[in-house]
Amino acid sequence: MAVTKVVVLHGLYMSGFVMRPLCERLEKLGFDILNLSYNTLTPDRHAIFEQIDAFVAGHDAALVCHSMGGLVARDYLTHNSAASAAISKVITLGTPHKGSYIAKHMHDHGFDMLLKNSVEYLLSQQQNWPFKAKLYSIAGDLPIGLMPLLKKGSRSDGTVLLDETKLQGMAEHKIFRLSHTTLIYSRTVLDYIVDILELELWLSVGLPEEKWLKKASNRAKQVVLYTYGENNQGPWWQKNQNTLRQYSNLKIISLPYSATSVMAEMLTRTMALTVTVQDGEIWFSDEQHSVHLIPETLQG
């Protein structure tokens, strides 16, 4: 099933108001949106989780989160309610998954009053993403903020270090030349988020490198690759088959060269083809050629 519902979670010191432009864009595309406002200094976990559960209600859903909102999303998945099983994608913007350097600096220098209970999230130290839902971590590297003053020479969006946005097990890590807050309002980032939410089927043809199939498998629910070629299909499959078997949503279909070579001769601007499909076999014909193609499923 495709994602139909999206829960949006804002960051520290903010409210759902700052996320409205992003929400409006997603609503125009047909997504049902819960723009959830919560008190970031004294977050009520029970109330937050109940609202998400009631909204998701068994529908295929995604979480889109800015900064601390991504840590709240992790806490929700850790809570492991029945409804949370419907979350298939988590997209975070500038989230300090490994813990916030700035929050630790404030904590160490006695400024806990400015953070209150948010430290339970911001000071957590995680290294892995263990959930079934795929994590797409978006980061900025335009250092407008306090971070360049606190940690000179570091790469950050001004508030969150680039390294803090990375976790082992994440599906994808994407960097934009943006600051922490402008990640929310960037049209380029919004386009990227929409691509992740909408992509269901990825079709590819040829003999691609494994890294491209990994990217496709992380982005789409289903990936179908059609391989072809005279002498290189076999060696390509022997080299990559063990690695590619880890991608459970990847289907690989081999097209025999004996058929595709004749089909290439049939390709003209004015071609008129007759196609018959029966029991997994395909017949192509025109006025001069007739091709019987039997695809071989290598995987999936």
Protein backbone atom coordinates (compact mmCIF):
# COMPACT_ATOMS: atom_id res chain seq x y z
CA MET A 1 0.00 0.00 0.00
CA ALA A 2 1.07 3.59 -0.62
CA VAL A 3 1.59 6.12 2.16
CA THR A 4 -1.68 7.97 2.70
CA LYS A 5 -1.14 9.59 6.10
CA VAL A 6 1.73 11.77 7.29
CA VAL A 7 2.45 12.82 10.87
CA VAL A 8 4.51 16.03 11.10
CA LEU A 9 6.53 16.77 14.25
CA HIS A 10 8.27 20.11 14.87
CA GLY A 11 11.48 20.81 16.80
CA LEU A 12 12.57 22.45 20.04
CA TYR A 13 10.99 25.80 21.04
CA MET A 14 8.67 25.58 18.02
CA SER A 15 5.05 24.63 17.31
CA GLY A 16 3.13 23.17 14.43
CA PHE A 17 2.80 26.68 12.98
CA VAL A 18 6.33 26.59 11.54
CA MET A 19 5.55 23.33 9.73
CA ARG A 20 2.43 24.65 7.99
CA PRO A 21 4.06 25.41 4.59
CA LEU A 22 5.35 21.84 4.40
CA CYS A 23 1.96 20.47 5.49
CA GLU A 24 0.07 22.55 2.94
CA ARG A 25 2.26 21.24 0.12
CA LEU A 26 1.66 17.64 1.18
CA GLU A 27 -2.09 18.22 1.60
CA LYS A 28 -2.32 19.55 -1.96
CA LEU A 29 -0.80 16.27 -3.14
CA GLY A 30 -3.56 14.30 -1.39
CA PHE A 31 -1.85 13.24 1.85
CA ASP A 32 -3.85 13.27 5.07
CA ILE A 33 -1.80 15.33 7.54
CA LEU A 34 -1.54 15.45 11.33
CA ASN A 35 0.52 18.55 12.18
CA LEU A 36 1.07 17.69 15.82
CA SER A 37 1.97 20.51 18.21
CA TYR A 38 3.42 19.56 21.57
CA ASN A 39 5.28 21.26 24.42
CA THR A 40 8.93 20.59 23.63
CA LEU A 41 10.16 21.51 27.12
CA THR A 42 7.73 19.20 28.93
CA PRO A 43 6.62 16.71 26.25
CA ASP A 44 3.71 14.49 27.26
CA ARG A 45 4.75 11.19 25.69
CA HIS A 46 1.45 9.48 26.45
CA ALA A 47 -0.62 12.22 24.81
CA ILE A 48 1.68 12.44 21.78
CA PHE A 49 1.64 8.69 21.20
CA GLU A 50 -2.13 8.50 21.61
CA GLN A 51 -2.68 11.21 18.99
CA ILE A 52 -0.39 9.48 16.50
CA ASP A 53 -2.02 6.08 17.12
CA ALA A 54 -5.52 7.48 16.65
CA PHE A 55 -4.54 9.28 13.44
CA VAL A 56 -2.66 6.39 11.83
CA ALA A 57 -5.35 3.83 12.68
CA GLY A 58 -3.90 1.04 10.56
CA HIS A 59 -3.25 3.11 7.42
CA ASP A 60 0.17 3.09 5.76
CA ALA A 61 1.81 6.19 7.22
CA ALA A 62 5.03 8.17 7.45
CA LEU A 63 6.58 10.52 10.00
CA VAL A 64 8.17 13.79 8.81
CA CYS A 65 10.09 15.48 11.61
CA HIS A 66 12.28 18.52 12.18
CA SER A 67 15.13 18.45 14.70
CA MET A 68 13.91 17.18 18.10
CA GLY A 69 10.76 15.89 16.41
CA GLY A 70 12.85 13.07 14.94
CA LEU A 71 13.85 11.99 18.45
CA VAL A 72 10.20 11.99 19.50
CA ALA A 73 9.48 9.82 16.44
CA ARG A 74 12.12 7.33 17.56
CA ASP A 75 10.58 7.23 21.02
CA TYR A 76 7.18 6.55 19.46
CA LEU A 77 8.52 3.60 17.43
CA THR A 78 10.32 2.28 20.51
CA HIS A 79 6.97 2.38 22.37
CA ASN A 80 5.92 -0.22 19.78
CA SER A 81 2.14 0.21 19.82
CA ALA A 82 0.04 -1.84 17.43
CA ALA A 83 -0.63 1.26 15.32
CA SER A 84 3.10 2.05 14.96
CA ALA A 85 3.52 -1.06 12.79
CA ALA A 86 1.87 0.93 9.97
CA ILE A 87 4.74 3.46 9.89
CA SER A 88 6.83 2.60 6.83
CA LYS A 89 8.99 5.73 6.46
CA VAL A 90 10.55 8.27 8.82
CA ILE A 91 11.98 11.44 7.27
CA THR A 92 14.00 13.69 9.56
CA LEU A 93 15.30 17.19 8.89
CA GLY A 94 18.29 18.26 10.97
CA THR A 95 17.65 15.72 13.71
CA PRO A 96 20.57 15.09 16.12
CA HIS A 97 20.07 11.32 16.21
CA LYS A 98 23.31 10.79 18.14
CA GLY A 99 22.49 13.49 20.67
CA SER A 100 22.82 17.27 20.52
CA TYR A 101 26.22 18.85 21.11
CA ILE A 102 24.61 22.22 21.82
CA ALA A 103 22.18 20.71 24.34
CA LYS A 104 25.07 18.94 26.10
CA HIS A 105 27.02 22.21 26.19
CA MET A 106 24.04 23.98 27.78
CA HIS A 107 23.53 21.11 30.24
CA ASP A 108 27.22 21.08 31.26
CA HIS A 109 27.19 24.83 31.84
CA GLY A 110 24.10 24.88 34.05
CA PHE A 111 21.48 26.02 31.57
CA ASP A 112 19.11 23.10 32.19
CA MET A 113 16.31 25.55 32.91
CA LEU A 114 16.27 26.42 29.22
CA LEU A 115 15.93 22.78 28.20
CA LYS A 116 13.88 21.22 31.01
CA ASN A 117 12.60 17.73 30.09
CA SER A 118 13.75 17.98 26.46
CA VAL A 119 17.15 16.73 27.66
CA GLU A 120 15.65 13.24 27.85
CA TYR A 121 15.62 13.34 24.06
CA LEU A 122 18.44 15.73 23.19
CA LEU A 123 21.09 14.05 25.36
CA SER A 124 20.27 10.51 24.24
CA GLN A 125 23.16 8.80 22.48
CA GLN A 126 22.14 6.46 19.68
CA GLN A 127 24.25 4.84 16.98
CA ASN A 128 21.81 2.58 15.11
CA TRP A 129 18.37 2.63 13.52
CA PRO A 130 16.82 -0.73 14.50
CA PHE A 131 13.26 -0.24 13.24
CA LYS A 132 11.42 -1.75 10.29
CA ALA A 133 10.37 1.73 9.15
CA LYS A 134 13.03 3.17 6.86
CA LEU A 135 14.90 6.28 7.99
CA TYR A 136 15.71 9.06 5.54
CA SER A 137 17.92 11.59 7.32
CA ILE A 138 18.16 15.05 5.76
CA ALA A 139 20.95 17.36 6.94
CA GLY A 140 22.12 20.89 6.25
CA ASP A 141 25.71 22.11 5.98
CA LEU A 142 25.19 25.89 5.94
CA PRO A 143 26.54 26.84 9.41
CA ILE A 144 24.37 29.79 10.40
CA GLY A 145 23.96 29.69 14.18
CA LEU A 146 25.89 29.01 17.38
CA MET A 147 27.67 25.83 16.34
CA PRO A 148 30.58 27.50 14.48
CA LEU A 149 31.34 29.44 17.67
CA LEU A 150 31.09 26.44 19.99
CA LYS A 151 32.90 23.91 17.80
CA LYS A 152 35.19 25.63 15.33
CA GLY A 153 35.99 23.77 12.14
CA SER A 154 32.99 21.47 12.44
CA ARG A 155 30.44 20.77 9.71
CA SER A 156 26.92 21.68 10.75
CA ASP A 157 23.70 23.47 9.84
CA GLY A 158 24.53 26.01 12.53
CA THR A 159 22.66 24.08 15.23
CA VAL A 160 23.20 20.37 14.60
CA LEU A 161 26.48 18.72 13.64
CA LEU A 162 26.46 16.83 10.37
CA ASP A 163 27.73 13.70 12.11
CA GLU A 164 24.84 13.84 14.59
CA THR A 165 22.38 13.27 11.72
CA LYS A 166 23.94 9.93 10.71
CA LEU A 167 23.02 6.49 12.01
CA GLN A 168 23.97 2.98 11.04
CA GLY A 169 20.98 1.29 9.43
CA MET A 170 19.44 4.42 7.91
CA ALA A 171 18.14 4.05 4.38
CA GLU A 172 19.57 7.31 3.07
CA HIS A 173 21.46 10.40 4.21
CA LYS A 174 21.01 13.55 2.12
CA ILE A 175 22.86 16.85 2.60
CA PHE A 176 21.58 20.21 1.39
CA ARG A 177 23.36 23.58 1.51
CA LEU A 178 20.89 24.92 4.04
CA SER A 179 20.79 26.04 7.67
CA HIS A 180 18.85 24.31 10.43
CA THR A 181 15.60 26.27 10.11
CA THR A 182 15.63 26.77 6.33
CA LEU A 183 15.52 22.98 5.90
CA ILE A 184 11.81 23.29 6.71
CA TYR A 185 11.04 25.84 4.01
CA SER A 186 13.29 24.76 1.11
CA ARG A 187 11.40 23.80 -2.06
CA THR A 188 14.24 21.42 -2.97
CA VAL A 189 13.90 19.61 0.35
CA LEU A 190 10.12 19.47 -0.06
CA ASP A 191 10.54 17.92 -3.52
CA TYR A 192 12.87 15.32 -2.06
CA ILE A 193 10.39 14.49 0.71
CA VAL A 194 7.58 14.10 -1.83
CA ASP A 195 9.74 11.76 -3.93
CA ILE A 196 10.29 9.54 -0.89
CA LEU A 197 6.62 9.50 0.08
CA GLU A 198 5.24 8.84 -3.41
CA LEU A 199 7.70 6.35 -4.89
CA GLU A 200 6.17 2.86 -4.97
CA LEU A 201 7.72 1.13 -8.00
CA TRP A 202 11.22 1.63 -9.40
CA LEU A 203 11.88 0.10 -12.83
CA SER A 204 15.40 -0.23 -14.19
CA VAL A 205 16.98 -1.80 -17.27
CA GLY A 206 20.55 -2.97 -17.83
CA LEU A 207 23.34 -4.12 -15.54
CA PRO A 208 23.67 -1.38 -12.91
CA GLU A 209 26.18 -1.20 -10.07
CA GLU A 210 25.05 -2.58 -6.74
CA LYS A 211 25.05 0.88 -5.11
CA TRP A 212 22.30 2.07 -7.47
CA LEU A 213 20.12 -0.93 -6.70
CA LYS A 214 20.69 -0.33 -2.99
CA LYS A 215 19.48 3.24 -3.43
CA ALA A 216 16.43 2.08 -5.39
CA SER A 217 15.57 -0.57 -2.80
CA ASN A 218 15.78 1.99 -0.01
CA ARG A 219 13.58 4.49 -1.87
CA ALA A 220 10.82 2.33 -3.38
CA LYS A 221 8.51 -0.36 -2.07
CA GLN A 222 9.23 -2.54 -5.10
CA VAL A 223 12.18 -2.55 -7.51
CA VAL A 224 12.15 -4.48 -10.80
CA LEU A 225 15.33 -4.80 -12.84
CA TYR A 226 15.37 -6.20 -16.39
CA THR A 227 18.83 -7.37 -17.42
CA TYR A 228 19.94 -7.97 -20.99
CA GLY A 229 23.12 -8.41 -23.03
CA GLU A 230 24.99 -11.06 -24.98
CA ASN A 231 28.02 -11.98 -22.89
CA ASN A 232 27.93 -9.87 -19.74
CA GLN A 233 24.71 -10.93 -17.98
CA GLY A 234 26.20 -14.12 -16.55
CA PRO A 235 29.36 -12.54 -15.11
CA TRP A 236 27.36 -9.61 -13.73
CA TRP A 237 24.97 -11.97 -11.91
CA GLN A 238 27.78 -14.17 -10.58
CA LYS A 239 29.52 -11.09 -9.17
CA ASN A 240 26.47 -9.48 -7.55
CA GLN A 241 23.94 -12.19 -6.67
CA ASN A 242 25.02 -12.77 -3.07
CA THR A 243 24.95 -9.05 -2.28
CA LEU A 244 21.67 -8.39 -4.08
CA ARG A 245 19.79 -11.13 -2.23
CA GLN A 246 19.71 -8.91 0.88
CA TYR A 247 17.25 -6.60 -0.89
CA SER A 248 13.95 -8.38 -0.36
CA ASN A 249 11.97 -5.88 -2.46
CA LEU A 250 14.23 -6.35 -5.52
CA LYS A 251 13.05 -8.50 -8.42
CA ILE A 252 15.51 -9.29 -11.23
CA ILE A 253 14.35 -10.61 -14.59
CA SER A 254 16.79 -11.71 -17.27
CA LEU A 255 15.84 -11.16 -20.93
CA PRO A 256 17.56 -13.62 -23.31
CA TYR A 257 19.88 -12.07 -25.89
CA SER A 258 18.51 -14.33 -28.63
CA ALA A 259 15.19 -12.51 -28.33
CA THR A 260 16.29 -8.96 -27.48
CA SER A 261 18.73 -8.82 -30.40
CA VAL A 262 15.86 -9.50 -32.84
CA MET A 263 13.60 -7.07 -31.01
CA ALA A 264 16.22 -4.34 -31.53
CA GLU A 265 15.80 -4.77 -35.28
CA MET A 266 12.04 -4.26 -34.91
CA LEU A 267 12.42 -0.79 -33.38
CA THR A 268 11.47 1.85 -35.96
CA ARG A 269 9.57 5.13 -35.82
CA THR A 270 6.60 3.59 -37.61
CA MET A 271 6.67 0.19 -35.95
CA ALA A 272 3.41 -1.64 -35.35
CA LEU A 273 3.83 -4.54 -32.96
CA THR A 274 1.50 -7.33 -31.96
CA VAL A 275 2.13 -8.58 -28.43
CA THR A 276 0.74 -11.73 -26.85
CA VAL A 277 1.35 -12.71 -23.23
CA GLN A 278 0.48 -16.14 -21.89
CA ASP A 279 1.74 -18.15 -18.90
CA GLY A 280 4.75 -15.87 -18.42
CA GLU A 281 5.85 -16.09 -22.05
CA ILE A 282 5.70 -13.20 -24.55
CA TRP A 283 5.38 -13.14 -28.33
CA PHE A 284 6.29 -10.03 -30.35
CA SER A 285 5.60 -9.82 -34.05
CA ASP A 286 5.53 -7.32 -36.92
CA GLU A 287 5.36 -7.72 -40.69
CA GLN A 288 8.89 -9.14 -40.90
CA HIS A 289 9.75 -10.65 -37.53
CA SER A 290 8.35 -12.90 -34.86
CA VAL A 291 10.02 -13.23 -31.47
CA HIS A 292 9.27 -15.65 -28.66
CA LEU A 293 10.62 -14.26 -25.35
CA ILE A 294 10.78 -16.32 -22.16
CA PRO A 295 11.97 -14.11 -19.27
CA GLU A 296 13.99 -15.83 -16.54
CA THR A 297 13.44 -14.65 -12.97
CA LEU A 298 16.81 -14.53 -11.21
CA GLN A 299 15.48 -13.08 -7.95
CA GLY A 300 12.15 -12.16 -6.39
